[in-house]
Amino acid sequence: MSSRTFQCPKCNNADRRKLKEIEDKEKPALYYSMQGTPVFPKKIHCGACGHEWPKTG
């Protein structure tokens, strides 16, 4: 994760240990790497309440 801090819009959790950046495989791949593996857009998952939202920026 980058140095940017995220905060859950649902429960206002800002604990970096409970916020995970995961791939959003429901959306199409952005591009394919040199090895041929797809690179998907990212979303943030809150471990406290289970809410997920797209990563922007």
PDB file of N, CA and C in Angstrom:
ATOM      1  N   MET A   1       0.844  -1.170   0.000  1.00  0.00           N
ATOM      2  CA  MET A   1       0.000   0.000   0.000  1.00  0.00           C
ATOM      3  C   MET A   1       0.890   1.232   0.000  1.00  0.00           C
ATOM      4  N   SER A   2       0.407   2.273  -0.572  1.00  0.00           N
ATOM      5  CA  SER A   2       1.195   3.498  -0.651  1.00  0.00           C
ATOM      6  C   SER A   2       1.168   4.228   0.692  1.00  0.00           C
ATOM      7  N   SER A   3       1.855   5.356   0.736  1.00  0.00           N
ATOM      8  CA  SER A   3       1.906   6.135   1.970  1.00  0.00           C
ATOM      9  C   SER A   3       0.597   6.885   2.219  1.00  0.00           C
ATOM     10  N   ARG A   4      -0.279   6.889   1.228  1.00  0.00           N
ATOM     11  CA  ARG A   4      -1.573   7.543   1.384  1.00  0.00           C
ATOM     12  C   ARG A   4      -2.427   6.771   2.390  1.00  0.00           C
ATOM     13  N   THR A   5      -3.116   7.478   3.258  1.00  0.00           N
ATOM     14  CA  THR A   5      -3.958   6.811   4.238  1.00  0.00           C
ATOM     15  C   THR A   5      -5.383   6.710   3.695  1.00  0.00           C
ATOM     16  N   PHE A   6      -5.985   5.591   3.922  1.00  0.00           N
ATOM     17  CA  PHE A   6      -7.358   5.359   3.513  1.00  0.00           C
ATOM     18  C   PHE A   6      -8.243   5.331   4.741  1.00  0.00           C
ATOM     19  N   GLN A   7      -9.500   5.644   4.529  1.00  0.00           N
ATOM     20  CA  GLN A   7     -10.479   5.601   5.610  1.00  0.00           C
ATOM     21  C   GLN A   7     -11.768   5.028   5.043  1.00  0.00           C
ATOM     22  N   CYS A   8     -12.354   4.086   5.746  1.00  0.00           N
ATOM     23  CA  CYS A   8     -13.589   3.451   5.299  1.00  0.00           C
ATOM     24  C   CYS A   8     -14.725   4.473   5.323  1.00  0.00           C
ATOM     25  N   PRO A   9     -15.439   4.632   4.197  1.00  0.00           N
ATOM     26  CA  PRO A   9     -16.539   5.598   4.185  1.00  0.00           C
ATOM     27  C   PRO A   9     -17.749   5.132   4.990  1.00  0.00           C
ATOM     28  N   LYS A  10     -17.806   3.840   5.324  1.00  0.00           N
ATOM     29  CA  LYS A  10     -18.964   3.321   6.057  1.00  0.00           C
ATOM     30  C   LYS A  10     -18.763   3.398   7.574  1.00  0.00           C
ATOM     31  N   CYS A  11     -17.614   2.902   8.066  1.00  0.00           N
ATOM     32  CA  CYS A  11     -17.403   2.858   9.520  1.00  0.00           C
ATOM     33  C   CYS A  11     -16.294   3.794  10.002  1.00  0.00           C
ATOM     34  N   ASN A  12     -15.676   4.566   9.102  1.00  0.00           N
ATOM     35  CA  ASN A  12     -14.604   5.520   9.413  1.00  0.00           C
ATOM     36  C   ASN A  12     -13.361   4.863  10.005  1.00  0.00           C
ATOM     37  N   ASN A  13     -13.144   3.595   9.708  1.00  0.00           N
ATOM     38  CA  ASN A  13     -11.950   2.892  10.169  1.00  0.00           C
ATOM     39  C   ASN A  13     -10.744   3.379   9.368  1.00  0.00           C
ATOM     40  N   ALA A  14      -9.665   3.750  10.051  1.00  0.00           N
ATOM     41  CA  ALA A  14      -8.447   4.204   9.378  1.00  0.00           C
ATOM     42  C   ALA A  14      -7.245   3.347   9.770  1.00  0.00           C
ATOM     43  N   ASP A  15      -7.471   2.205  10.414  1.00  0.00           N
ATOM     44  CA  ASP A  15      -6.403   1.312  10.842  1.00  0.00           C
ATOM     45  C   ASP A  15      -5.832   0.594   9.614  1.00  0.00           C
ATOM     46  N   ARG A  16      -4.564   0.863   9.292  1.00  0.00           N
ATOM     47  CA  ARG A  16      -3.951   0.293   8.089  1.00  0.00           C
ATOM     48  C   ARG A  16      -3.878  -1.222   8.132  1.00  0.00           C
ATOM     49  N   ARG A  17      -3.886  -1.805   9.334  1.00  0.00           N
ATOM     50  CA  ARG A  17      -3.832  -3.265   9.441  1.00  0.00           C
ATOM     51  C   ARG A  17      -5.147  -3.914   9.017  1.00  0.00           C
ATOM     52  N   LYS A  18      -6.245  -3.166   9.038  1.00  0.00           N
ATOM     53  CA  LYS A  18      -7.546  -3.724   8.675  1.00  0.00           C
ATOM     54  C   LYS A  18      -8.025  -3.296   7.300  1.00  0.00           C
ATOM     55  N   LEU A  19      -7.292  -2.421   6.626  1.00  0.00           N
ATOM     56  CA  LEU A  19      -7.649  -1.989   5.281  1.00  0.00           C
ATOM     57  C   LEU A  19      -6.711  -2.663   4.295  1.00  0.00           C
ATOM     58  N   LYS A  20      -7.271  -3.442   3.367  1.00  0.00           N
ATOM     59  CA  LYS A  20      -6.449  -4.171   2.414  1.00  0.00           C
ATOM     60  C   LYS A  20      -6.766  -3.738   1.000  1.00  0.00           C
ATOM     61  N   GLU A  21      -5.735  -3.666   0.199  1.00  0.00           N
ATOM     62  CA  GLU A  21      -5.870  -3.338  -1.209  1.00  0.00           C
ATOM     63  C   GLU A  21      -5.897  -4.665  -1.975  1.00  0.00           C
ATOM     64  N   ILE A  22      -7.000  -4.935  -2.670  1.00  0.00           N
ATOM     65  CA  ILE A  22      -7.148  -6.195  -3.394  1.00  0.00           C
ATOM     66  C   ILE A  22      -7.532  -5.917  -4.845  1.00  0.00           C
ATOM     67  N   GLU A  23      -7.371  -6.935  -5.688  1.00  0.00           N
ATOM     68  CA  GLU A  23      -7.736  -6.804  -7.095  1.00  0.00           C
ATOM     69  C   GLU A  23      -9.248  -6.916  -7.247  1.00  0.00           C
ATOM     70  N   ASP A  24      -9.816  -6.106  -8.123  1.00  0.00           N
ATOM     71  CA  ASP A  24     -11.246  -6.144  -8.414  1.00  0.00           C
ATOM     72  C   ASP A  24     -11.446  -6.970  -9.674  1.00  0.00           C
ATOM     73  N   LYS A  25     -11.639  -8.269  -9.511  1.00  0.00           N
ATOM     74  CA  LYS A  25     -11.736  -9.176 -10.652  1.00  0.00           C
ATOM     75  C   LYS A  25     -13.119  -9.171 -11.293  1.00  0.00           C
ATOM     76  N   GLU A  26     -14.035  -8.385 -10.754  1.00  0.00           N
ATOM     77  CA  GLU A  26     -15.347  -8.239 -11.381  1.00  0.00           C
ATOM     78  C   GLU A  26     -15.274  -7.317 -12.588  1.00  0.00           C
ATOM     79  N   LYS A  27     -14.242  -6.481 -12.648  1.00  0.00           N
ATOM     80  CA  LYS A  27     -14.048  -5.558 -13.764  1.00  0.00           C
ATOM     81  C   LYS A  27     -13.020  -6.155 -14.732  1.00  0.00           C
ATOM     82  N   PRO A  28     -13.042  -5.747 -15.988  1.00  0.00           N
ATOM     83  CA  PRO A  28     -12.073  -6.294 -16.945  1.00  0.00           C
ATOM     84  C   PRO A  28     -10.643  -5.848 -16.620  1.00  0.00           C
ATOM     85  N   ALA A  29      -9.684  -6.633 -17.080  1.00  0.00           N
ATOM     86  CA  ALA A  29      -8.273  -6.336 -16.841  1.00  0.00           C
ATOM     87  C   ALA A  29      -7.893  -5.018 -17.508  1.00  0.00           C
ATOM     88  N   LEU A  30      -7.045  -4.251 -16.839  1.00  0.00           N
ATOM     89  CA  LEU A  30      -6.575  -2.984 -17.387  1.00  0.00           C
ATOM     90  C   LEU A  30      -5.588  -3.236 -18.520  1.00  0.00           C
ATOM     91  N   TYR A  31      -4.677  -4.173 -18.302  1.00  0.00           N
ATOM     92  CA  TYR A  31      -3.681  -4.544 -19.302  1.00  0.00           C
ATOM     93  C   TYR A  31      -3.077  -5.882 -18.896  1.00  0.00           C
ATOM     94  N   TYR A  32      -2.218  -6.418 -19.735  1.00  0.00           N
ATOM     95  CA  TYR A  32      -1.527  -7.669 -19.445  1.00  0.00           C
ATOM     96  C   TYR A  32      -0.039  -7.381 -19.296  1.00  0.00           C
ATOM     97  N   SER A  33       0.576  -7.969 -18.278  1.00  0.00           N
ATOM     98  CA  SER A  33       1.997  -7.729 -18.029  1.00  0.00           C
ATOM     99  C   SER A  33       2.842  -8.438 -19.076  1.00  0.00           C
ATOM    100  N   MET A  34       4.139  -8.235 -19.010  1.00  0.00           N
ATOM    101  CA  MET A  34       5.061  -8.866 -19.958  1.00  0.00           C
ATOM    102  C   MET A  34       5.032 -10.391 -19.854  1.00  0.00           C
ATOM    103  N   GLN A  35       4.669 -10.921 -18.682  1.00  0.00           N
ATOM    104  CA  GLN A  35       4.590 -12.366 -18.496  1.00  0.00           C
ATOM    105  C   GLN A  35       3.255 -12.923 -18.972  1.00  0.00           C
ATOM    106  N   GLY A  36       2.331 -12.051 -19.343  1.00  0.00           N
ATOM    107  CA  GLY A  36       1.027 -12.475 -19.835  1.00  0.00           C
ATOM    108  C   GLY A  36      -0.051 -12.563 -18.771  1.00  0.00           C
ATOM    109  N   THR A  37       0.258 -12.146 -17.539  1.00  0.00           N
ATOM    110  CA  THR A  37      -0.753 -12.189 -16.488  1.00  0.00           C
ATOM    111  C   THR A  37      -1.575 -10.901 -16.503  1.00  0.00           C
ATOM    112  N   PRO A  38      -2.871 -10.991 -16.291  1.00  0.00           N
ATOM    113  CA  PRO A  38      -3.705  -9.788 -16.308  1.00  0.00           C
ATOM    114  C   PRO A  38      -3.481  -8.923 -15.073  1.00  0.00           C
ATOM    115  N   VAL A  39      -3.582  -7.616 -15.256  1.00  0.00           N
ATOM    116  CA  VAL A  39      -3.478  -6.654 -14.160  1.00  0.00           C
ATOM    117  C   VAL A  39      -4.850  -6.010 -14.012  1.00  0.00           C
ATOM    118  N   PHE A  40      -5.483  -6.264 -12.871  1.00  0.00           N
ATOM    119  CA  PHE A  40      -6.837  -5.789 -12.616  1.00  0.00           C
ATOM    120  C   PHE A  40      -6.816  -4.475 -11.844  1.00  0.00           C
ATOM    121  N   PRO A  41      -7.917  -3.699 -11.924  1.00  0.00           N
ATOM    122  CA  PRO A  41      -8.002  -2.496 -11.086  1.00  0.00           C
ATOM    123  C   PRO A  41      -8.068  -2.890  -9.612  1.00  0.00           C
ATOM    124  N   LYS A  42      -7.725  -1.973  -8.732  1.00  0.00           N
ATOM    125  CA  LYS A  42      -7.680  -2.250  -7.291  1.00  0.00           C
ATOM    126  C   LYS A  42      -8.917  -1.709  -6.584  1.00  0.00           C
ATOM    127  N   LYS A  43      -9.247  -2.347  -5.469  1.00  0.00           N
ATOM    128  CA  LYS A  43     -10.285  -1.843  -4.580  1.00  0.00           C
ATOM    129  C   LYS A  43      -9.798  -2.038  -3.157  1.00  0.00           C
ATOM    130  N   ILE A  44     -10.386  -1.291  -2.239  1.00  0.00           N
ATOM    131  CA  ILE A  44     -10.009  -1.340  -0.828  1.00  0.00           C
ATOM    132  C   ILE A  44     -11.084  -2.122  -0.077  1.00  0.00           C
ATOM    133  N   HIS A  45     -10.631  -3.040   0.786  1.00  0.00           N
ATOM    134  CA  HIS A  45     -11.544  -3.852   1.598  1.00  0.00           C
ATOM    135  C   HIS A  45     -11.302  -3.537   3.068  1.00  0.00           C
ATOM    136  N   CYS A  46     -12.385  -3.198   3.772  1.00  0.00           N
ATOM    137  CA  CYS A  46     -12.312  -2.907   5.206  1.00  0.00           C
ATOM    138  C   CYS A  46     -12.528  -4.200   5.984  1.00  0.00           C
ATOM    139  N   GLY A  47     -11.558  -4.568   6.804  1.00  0.00           N
ATOM    140  CA  GLY A  47     -11.666  -5.780   7.602  1.00  0.00           C
ATOM    141  C   GLY A  47     -12.579  -5.618   8.805  1.00  0.00           C
ATOM    142  N   ALA A  48     -12.908  -4.400   9.166  1.00  0.00           N
ATOM    143  CA  ALA A  48     -13.763  -4.162  10.330  1.00  0.00           C
ATOM    144  C   ALA A  48     -15.242  -4.363   9.985  1.00  0.00           C
ATOM    145  N   CYS A  49     -15.694  -3.789   8.855  1.00  0.00           N
ATOM    146  CA  CYS A  49     -17.120  -3.878   8.522  1.00  0.00           C
ATOM    147  C   CYS A  49     -17.389  -4.663   7.230  1.00  0.00           C
ATOM    148  N   GLY A  50     -16.342  -4.949   6.430  1.00  0.00           N
ATOM    149  CA  GLY A  50     -16.509  -5.718   5.211  1.00  0.00           C
ATOM    150  C   GLY A  50     -16.862  -4.888   3.985  1.00  0.00           C
ATOM    151  N   HIS A  51     -16.896  -3.583   4.125  1.00  0.00           N
ATOM    152  CA  HIS A  51     -17.248  -2.700   3.013  1.00  0.00           C
ATOM    153  C   HIS A  51     -16.094  -2.648   2.011  1.00  0.00           C
ATOM    154  N   GLU A  52     -16.411  -2.589   0.711  1.00  0.00           N
ATOM    155  CA  GLU A  52     -15.410  -2.478  -0.337  1.00  0.00           C
ATOM    156  C   GLU A  52     -15.738  -1.282  -1.219  1.00  0.00           C
ATOM    157  N   TRP A  53     -14.692  -0.559  -1.649  1.00  0.00           N
ATOM    158  CA  TRP A  53     -14.885   0.589  -2.534  1.00  0.00           C
ATOM    159  C   TRP A  53     -13.683   0.663  -3.457  1.00  0.00           C
ATOM    160  N   PRO A  54     -13.874   1.245  -4.653  1.00  0.00           N
ATOM    161  CA  PRO A  54     -12.770   1.307  -5.621  1.00  0.00           C
ATOM    162  C   PRO A  54     -11.674   2.260  -5.170  1.00  0.00           C
ATOM    163  N   LYS A  55     -10.442   1.880  -5.490  1.00  0.00           N
ATOM    164  CA  LYS A  55      -9.304   2.743  -5.188  1.00  0.00           C
ATOM    165  C   LYS A  55      -9.218   3.809  -6.266  1.00  0.00           C
ATOM    166  N   THR A  56      -9.091   5.050  -5.858  1.00  0.00           N
ATOM    167  CA  THR A  56      -8.950   6.143  -6.808  1.00  0.00           C
ATOM    168  C   THR A  56      -7.582   6.761  -6.634  1.00  0.00           C
ATOM    169  N   GLY A  57      -7.018   7.151  -7.740  1.00  0.00           N
ATOM    170  CA  GLY A  57      -5.729   7.826  -7.669  1.00  0.00           C
ATOM    171  C   GLY A  57      -4.557   6.972  -7.781  1.00  0.00           C
TER     172      GLY A  57
END
